Amino acid sequence: MSVRLYVEGGGDHNKALQTLCRKGFSEFIRKSGLGGRMPRVIACGGRQQAFESFRTAQDDEGMTSRPVLLVDAETAVNAANPWEHVRHRTGDKWERPPGAAEDQIQLMVQTMEAWFHADREELQAFYGNGFRVGALSARADVEMIPKADLYSGLRAATRDCQKGEYSKGAHSFQILARINPAKVRTASPVWCDRLLCALDRLCQ
């Protein structure tokens, strides 16, 4: 059975950005070791749209592929599992669709930018002269860096770079395609590792 990964990202009604999003996630996953058995990545735009697309796929009785939802956690995760996290989180209140397994929801904690902090060398290479690595959070456990600190650190680190200040749009997906999944897995031993293990298991 094939796997479809419904990801939050790419902006609503922005095909060019959704293409970059799809390519960024696909390259990151490919480099993690899934080269010959990749999931199909579907860039959904906003998180609510990602959930709705996933739920529609899960409800489709004629489905021949397994849907998996990948969204930002937005905050620290204190729940026993991701479905409980999104059920209780203000702004989501998502109910787990009937028949959906625990591994059909995956989280980027607290946002995708946490993954970038795991590979500072690649961030430096991407931005070049003017990049100030010291402006990033010094925490090695990237899963615990608050969302606000992730963004403020990246903006401060890139303020004087020729590419310009960090952009959630095009920059983010270009960086995602470049970073080292092994480094991210080490720095995010709960959630990134959970995602890649699930994809490795499901994409058999």
C-alpha atoms as a PDB file:
ATOM      1  CA  MET A   1       0.000   0.000   0.000  1.00  0.00           C
ATOM      2  CA  SER A   2       1.308   3.450  -0.903  1.00  0.00           C
ATOM      3  CA  VAL A   3       1.477   6.329   1.581  1.00  0.00           C
ATOM      4  CA  ARG A   4       0.219   9.875   1.116  1.00  0.00           C
ATOM      5  CA  LEU A   5       1.739  12.454   3.451  1.00  0.00           C
ATOM      6  CA  TYR A   6      -0.551  15.468   3.936  1.00  0.00           C
ATOM      7  CA  VAL A   7       1.690  18.287   5.158  1.00  0.00           C
ATOM      8  CA  GLU A   8       0.932  21.699   6.559  1.00  0.00           C
ATOM      9  CA  GLY A   9       2.721  24.266   4.417  1.00  0.00           C
ATOM     10  CA  GLY A  10       2.922  25.958   1.071  1.00  0.00           C
ATOM     11  CA  GLY A  11       0.344  28.670   1.634  1.00  0.00           C
ATOM     12  CA  ASP A  12      -3.240  28.689   0.451  1.00  0.00           C
ATOM     13  CA  HIS A  13      -3.745  28.997  -3.328  1.00  0.00           C
ATOM     14  CA  ASN A  14      -0.013  29.499  -3.988  1.00  0.00           C
ATOM     15  CA  LYS A  15       0.995  26.770  -6.428  1.00  0.00           C
ATOM     16  CA  ALA A  16       4.626  27.854  -6.706  1.00  0.00           C
ATOM     17  CA  LEU A  17       5.090  27.782  -2.926  1.00  0.00           C
ATOM     18  CA  GLN A  18       3.254  24.464  -2.648  1.00  0.00           C
ATOM     19  CA  THR A  19       5.628  23.012  -5.240  1.00  0.00           C
ATOM     20  CA  LEU A  20       8.615  24.179  -3.176  1.00  0.00           C
ATOM     21  CA  CYS A  21       7.004  22.719  -0.059  1.00  0.00           C
ATOM     22  CA  ARG A  22       6.439  19.355  -1.719  1.00  0.00           C
ATOM     23  CA  LYS A  23       9.984  19.249  -3.073  1.00  0.00           C
ATOM     24  CA  GLY A  24      11.486  20.272   0.267  1.00  0.00           C
ATOM     25  CA  PHE A  25       9.748  17.558   2.248  1.00  0.00           C
ATOM     26  CA  SER A  26      10.345  14.959  -0.447  1.00  0.00           C
ATOM     27  CA  GLU A  27      14.079  15.651  -0.496  1.00  0.00           C
ATOM     28  CA  PHE A  28      14.336  15.594   3.301  1.00  0.00           C
ATOM     29  CA  ILE A  29      12.541  12.238   3.444  1.00  0.00           C
ATOM     30  CA  ARG A  30      14.549  10.805   0.540  1.00  0.00           C
ATOM     31  CA  LYS A  31      17.816  11.640   2.285  1.00  0.00           C
ATOM     32  CA  SER A  32      16.595   9.887   5.437  1.00  0.00           C
ATOM     33  CA  GLY A  33      16.905   6.577   3.594  1.00  0.00           C
ATOM     34  CA  LEU A  34      13.528   6.131   1.893  1.00  0.00           C
ATOM     35  CA  GLY A  35      14.834   6.820  -1.618  1.00  0.00           C
ATOM     36  CA  GLY A  36      13.253   3.842  -3.344  1.00  0.00           C
ATOM     37  CA  ARG A  37       9.943   3.791  -1.480  1.00  0.00           C
ATOM     38  CA  MET A  38       8.853   7.366  -1.047  1.00  0.00           C
ATOM     39  CA  PRO A  39       5.477   8.555   0.194  1.00  0.00           C
ATOM     40  CA  ARG A  40       3.581  10.954  -2.028  1.00  0.00           C
ATOM     41  CA  VAL A  41       3.883  14.374  -0.389  1.00  0.00           C
ATOM     42  CA  ILE A  42       0.824  16.623  -0.657  1.00  0.00           C
ATOM     43  CA  ALA A  43       1.317  20.290   0.328  1.00  0.00           C
ATOM     44  CA  CYS A  44      -2.001  21.422   1.785  1.00  0.00           C
ATOM     45  CA  GLY A  45      -1.463  25.054   2.760  1.00  0.00           C
ATOM     46  CA  GLY A  46      -2.812  25.881   6.217  1.00  0.00           C
ATOM     47  CA  ARG A  47      -3.025  23.378   9.067  1.00  0.00           C
ATOM     48  CA  GLN A  48      -6.831  23.229   9.007  1.00  0.00           C
ATOM     49  CA  GLN A  49      -6.770  22.461   5.289  1.00  0.00           C
ATOM     50  CA  ALA A  50      -4.176  19.756   5.921  1.00  0.00           C
ATOM     51  CA  PHE A  51      -6.421  18.138   8.520  1.00  0.00           C
ATOM     52  CA  GLU A  52      -9.498  18.365   6.302  1.00  0.00           C
ATOM     53  CA  SER A  53      -7.631  16.796   3.379  1.00  0.00           C
ATOM     54  CA  PHE A  54      -6.343  14.018   5.615  1.00  0.00           C
ATOM     55  CA  ARG A  55      -9.798  13.371   7.065  1.00  0.00           C
ATOM     56  CA  THR A  56     -11.356  13.171   3.610  1.00  0.00           C
ATOM     57  CA  ALA A  57      -8.695  10.664   2.539  1.00  0.00           C
ATOM     58  CA  GLN A  58      -9.180   8.633   5.725  1.00  0.00           C
ATOM     59  CA  ASP A  59     -12.950   8.522   5.197  1.00  0.00           C
ATOM     60  CA  ASP A  60     -12.623   7.362   1.586  1.00  0.00           C
ATOM     61  CA  GLU A  61     -13.637   3.698   1.714  1.00  0.00           C
ATOM     62  CA  GLY A  62     -12.128   3.069  -1.704  1.00  0.00           C
ATOM     63  CA  MET A  63      -8.740   4.345  -0.605  1.00  0.00           C
ATOM     64  CA  THR A  64      -5.812   2.255  -1.828  1.00  0.00           C
ATOM     65  CA  SER A  65      -3.166   4.353  -0.037  1.00  0.00           C
ATOM     66  CA  ARG A  66      -2.646   5.140   3.639  1.00  0.00           C
ATOM     67  CA  PRO A  67      -2.938   8.832   4.569  1.00  0.00           C
ATOM     68  CA  VAL A  68      -0.592  10.371   7.144  1.00  0.00           C
ATOM     69  CA  LEU A  69      -0.979  13.901   8.551  1.00  0.00           C
ATOM     70  CA  LEU A  70       2.093  16.046   9.328  1.00  0.00           C
ATOM     71  CA  VAL A  71       1.568  19.390  11.092  1.00  0.00           C
ATOM     72  CA  ASP A  72       3.388  21.727  13.457  1.00  0.00           C
ATOM     73  CA  ALA A  73       2.706  21.115  17.144  1.00  0.00           C
ATOM     74  CA  GLU A  74       2.675  24.935  17.647  1.00  0.00           C
ATOM     75  CA  THR A  75       3.385  24.475  21.387  1.00  0.00           C
ATOM     76  CA  ALA A  76       5.193  22.025  23.650  1.00  0.00           C
ATOM     77  CA  VAL A  77       3.531  18.591  23.550  1.00  0.00           C
ATOM     78  CA  ASN A  78       2.368  17.421  26.960  1.00  0.00           C
ATOM     79  CA  ALA A  79      -0.265  14.933  25.793  1.00  0.00           C
ATOM     80  CA  ALA A  80       0.228  11.173  25.726  1.00  0.00           C
ATOM     81  CA  ASN A  81      -0.005  11.097  21.926  1.00  0.00           C
ATOM     82  CA  PRO A  82      -0.406  13.574  19.046  1.00  0.00           C
ATOM     83  CA  TRP A  83      -4.118  12.939  18.612  1.00  0.00           C
ATOM     84  CA  GLU A  84      -4.670  14.066  22.200  1.00  0.00           C
ATOM     85  CA  HIS A  85      -2.476  17.116  21.585  1.00  0.00           C
ATOM     86  CA  VAL A  86      -4.529  18.366  18.628  1.00  0.00           C
ATOM     87  CA  ARG A  87      -7.820  17.445  20.329  1.00  0.00           C
ATOM     88  CA  HIS A  88      -7.062  19.717  23.278  1.00  0.00           C
ATOM     89  CA  ARG A  89      -5.085  22.474  21.553  1.00  0.00           C
ATOM     90  CA  THR A  90      -6.926  25.780  21.248  1.00  0.00           C
ATOM     91  CA  GLY A  91      -7.361  26.504  17.563  1.00  0.00           C
ATOM     92  CA  ASP A  92      -7.549  22.842  16.586  1.00  0.00           C
ATOM     93  CA  LYS A  93      -9.956  20.787  18.702  1.00  0.00           C
ATOM     94  CA  TRP A  94      -9.610  18.018  16.105  1.00  0.00           C
ATOM     95  CA  GLU A  95     -11.281  14.714  16.767  1.00  0.00           C
ATOM     96  CA  ARG A  96      -9.420  11.615  15.688  1.00  0.00           C
ATOM     97  CA  PRO A  97     -11.158  10.258  12.553  1.00  0.00           C
ATOM     98  CA  PRO A  98     -12.672   6.772  12.908  1.00  0.00           C
ATOM     99  CA  GLY A  99     -10.133   4.080  12.131  1.00  0.00           C
ATOM    100  CA  ALA A 100      -7.124   6.440  12.189  1.00  0.00           C
ATOM    101  CA  ALA A 101      -4.100   4.831  13.855  1.00  0.00           C
ATOM    102  CA  GLU A 102      -1.720   6.628  16.223  1.00  0.00           C
ATOM    103  CA  ASP A 103       1.028   6.699  13.610  1.00  0.00           C
ATOM    104  CA  GLN A 104      -1.222   8.477  11.092  1.00  0.00           C
ATOM    105  CA  ILE A 105      -0.551  11.813  12.743  1.00  0.00           C
ATOM    106  CA  GLN A 106       2.965  13.208  13.046  1.00  0.00           C
ATOM    107  CA  LEU A 107       4.233  16.451  14.574  1.00  0.00           C
ATOM    108  CA  MET A 108       7.012  18.915  13.783  1.00  0.00           C
ATOM    109  CA  VAL A 109       7.671  20.405  17.206  1.00  0.00           C
ATOM    110  CA  GLN A 110       7.141  23.116  17.796  1.00  0.00           C
ATOM    111  CA  THR A 111       7.441  24.211  14.179  1.00  0.00           C
ATOM    112  CA  MET A 112       9.489  23.067  11.201  1.00  0.00           C
ATOM    113  CA  GLU A 113      12.052  25.751  12.059  1.00  0.00           C
ATOM    114  CA  ALA A 114      13.144  23.611  15.028  1.00  0.00           C
ATOM    115  CA  TRP A 115      14.590  21.165  12.501  1.00  0.00           C
ATOM    116  CA  PHE A 116      16.729  23.942  10.981  1.00  0.00           C
ATOM    117  CA  HIS A 117      18.342  24.586  14.366  1.00  0.00           C
ATOM    118  CA  ALA A 118      19.632  21.007  14.297  1.00  0.00           C
ATOM    119  CA  ASP A 119      21.830  21.702  11.259  1.00  0.00           C
ATOM    120  CA  ARG A 120      23.393  25.098  11.832  1.00  0.00           C
ATOM    121  CA  GLU A 121      26.209  24.334   9.411  1.00  0.00           C
ATOM    122  CA  GLU A 122      23.745  24.066   6.535  1.00  0.00           C
ATOM    123  CA  LEU A 123      21.987  27.245   7.639  1.00  0.00           C
ATOM    124  CA  GLN A 124      25.373  28.990   7.534  1.00  0.00           C
ATOM    125  CA  ALA A 125      26.074  27.581   4.061  1.00  0.00           C
ATOM    126  CA  PHE A 126      22.654  28.652   2.771  1.00  0.00           C
ATOM    127  CA  TYR A 127      22.830  32.245   4.020  1.00  0.00           C
ATOM    128  CA  GLY A 128      26.563  32.809   3.660  1.00  0.00           C
ATOM    129  CA  ASN A 129      28.286  35.998   4.789  1.00  0.00           C
ATOM    130  CA  GLY A 130      26.515  37.909   7.508  1.00  0.00           C
ATOM    131  CA  PHE A 131      24.870  34.893   9.103  1.00  0.00           C
ATOM    132  CA  ARG A 132      25.152  35.105  12.898  1.00  0.00           C
ATOM    133  CA  VAL A 133      24.863  31.607  14.316  1.00  0.00           C
ATOM    134  CA  GLY A 134      25.160  32.989  17.843  1.00  0.00           C
ATOM    135  CA  ALA A 135      21.732  34.588  17.500  1.00  0.00           C
ATOM    136  CA  LEU A 136      20.069  31.176  17.400  1.00  0.00           C
ATOM    137  CA  SER A 137      18.851  29.485  20.558  1.00  0.00           C
ATOM    138  CA  ALA A 138      21.693  27.604  22.227  1.00  0.00           C
ATOM    139  CA  ARG A 139      19.438  24.709  23.247  1.00  0.00           C
ATOM    140  CA  ALA A 140      20.498  21.365  21.769  1.00  0.00           C
ATOM    141  CA  ASP A 141      17.063  19.846  22.471  1.00  0.00           C
ATOM    142  CA  VAL A 142      15.348  21.610  19.574  1.00  0.00           C
ATOM    143  CA  GLU A 143      11.984  20.091  20.477  1.00  0.00           C
ATOM    144  CA  MET A 144      11.839  22.354  23.526  1.00  0.00           C
ATOM    145  CA  ILE A 145      12.701  25.666  21.838  1.00  0.00           C
ATOM    146  CA  PRO A 146       9.535  27.828  22.016  1.00  0.00           C
ATOM    147  CA  LYS A 147       7.998  28.787  18.695  1.00  0.00           C
ATOM    148  CA  ALA A 148       8.575  32.512  19.261  1.00  0.00           C
ATOM    149  CA  ASP A 149      12.286  31.899  19.966  1.00  0.00           C
ATOM    150  CA  LEU A 150      12.662  29.824  16.803  1.00  0.00           C
ATOM    151  CA  TYR A 151      11.432  32.665  14.624  1.00  0.00           C
ATOM    152  CA  SER A 152      13.138  35.519  16.471  1.00  0.00           C
ATOM    153  CA  GLY A 153      16.448  33.655  16.428  1.00  0.00           C
ATOM    154  CA  LEU A 154      16.300  33.020  12.703  1.00  0.00           C
ATOM    155  CA  ARG A 155      15.362  36.626  11.959  1.00  0.00           C
ATOM    156  CA  ALA A 156      18.220  37.945  14.100  1.00  0.00           C
ATOM    157  CA  ALA A 157      20.716  35.481  12.611  1.00  0.00           C
ATOM    158  CA  THR A 158      19.840  36.425   9.012  1.00  0.00           C
ATOM    159  CA  ARG A 159      19.241  40.156   9.333  1.00  0.00           C
ATOM    160  CA  ASP A 160      22.523  41.118   7.659  1.00  0.00           C
ATOM    161  CA  CYS A 161      22.599  38.363   5.021  1.00  0.00           C
ATOM    162  CA  GLN A 162      22.531  39.031   1.277  1.00  0.00           C
ATOM    163  CA  LYS A 163      19.559  36.677   0.882  1.00  0.00           C
ATOM    164  CA  GLY A 164      17.652  38.846   3.316  1.00  0.00           C
ATOM    165  CA  GLU A 165      15.940  38.077   6.597  1.00  0.00           C
ATOM    166  CA  TYR A 166      14.550  34.570   7.076  1.00  0.00           C
ATOM    167  CA  SER A 167      11.307  34.042   5.188  1.00  0.00           C
ATOM    168  CA  LYS A 168       8.702  31.473   6.177  1.00  0.00           C
ATOM    169  CA  GLY A 169       7.967  31.006   2.478  1.00  0.00           C
ATOM    170  CA  ALA A 170      10.581  30.182  -0.124  1.00  0.00           C
ATOM    171  CA  HIS A 171      13.577  30.149   2.251  1.00  0.00           C
ATOM    172  CA  SER A 172      12.034  27.584   4.567  1.00  0.00           C
ATOM    173  CA  PHE A 173      11.506  24.882   1.943  1.00  0.00           C
ATOM    174  CA  GLN A 174      14.879  25.454   0.288  1.00  0.00           C
ATOM    175  CA  ILE A 175      16.528  24.991   3.690  1.00  0.00           C
ATOM    176  CA  LEU A 176      14.413  21.903   4.408  1.00  0.00           C
ATOM    177  CA  ALA A 177      15.702  20.270   1.225  1.00  0.00           C
ATOM    178  CA  ARG A 178      19.308  20.931   2.295  1.00  0.00           C
ATOM    179  CA  ILE A 179      19.465  19.973   5.979  1.00  0.00           C
ATOM    180  CA  ASN A 180      20.754  16.619   7.177  1.00  0.00           C
ATOM    181  CA  PRO A 181      17.963  14.290   8.429  1.00  0.00           C
ATOM    182  CA  ALA A 182      20.438  12.394  10.632  1.00  0.00           C
ATOM    183  CA  LYS A 183      21.289  15.592  12.519  1.00  0.00           C
ATOM    184  CA  VAL A 184      17.622  16.472  12.880  1.00  0.00           C
ATOM    185  CA  ARG A 185      16.823  12.989  14.129  1.00  0.00           C
ATOM    186  CA  THR A 186      19.517  13.290  16.808  1.00  0.00           C
ATOM    187  CA  ALA A 187      18.330  16.720  17.956  1.00  0.00           C
ATOM    188  CA  SER A 188      14.649  15.712  17.780  1.00  0.00           C
ATOM    189  CA  PRO A 189      14.748  12.175  19.233  1.00  0.00           C
ATOM    190  CA  VAL A 190      11.014  11.992  19.918  1.00  0.00           C
ATOM    191  CA  TRP A 191       9.152  13.605  17.055  1.00  0.00           C
ATOM    192  CA  CYS A 192      11.386  13.639  13.987  1.00  0.00           C
ATOM    193  CA  ASP A 193      12.517  10.108  14.790  1.00  0.00           C
ATOM    194  CA  ARG A 194       8.871   9.078  15.232  1.00  0.00           C
ATOM    195  CA  LEU A 195       7.987  10.482  11.797  1.00  0.00           C
ATOM    196  CA  LEU A 196      10.852   8.829   9.957  1.00  0.00           C
ATOM    197  CA  CYS A 197      10.354   5.493  11.722  1.00  0.00           C
ATOM    198  CA  ALA A 198       6.660   5.541  10.818  1.00  0.00           C
ATOM    199  CA  LEU A 199       7.361   6.322   7.161  1.00  0.00           C
ATOM    200  CA  ASP A 200      10.040   3.615   7.032  1.00  0.00           C
ATOM    201  CA  ARG A 201       7.538   1.113   8.418  1.00  0.00           C
ATOM    202  CA  LEU A 202       4.551   2.189   6.317  1.00  0.00           C
ATOM    203  CA  CYS A 203       6.371   2.580   2.998  1.00  0.00           C
ATOM    204  CA  GLN A 204       7.314  -1.100   2.738  1.00  0.00           C
END
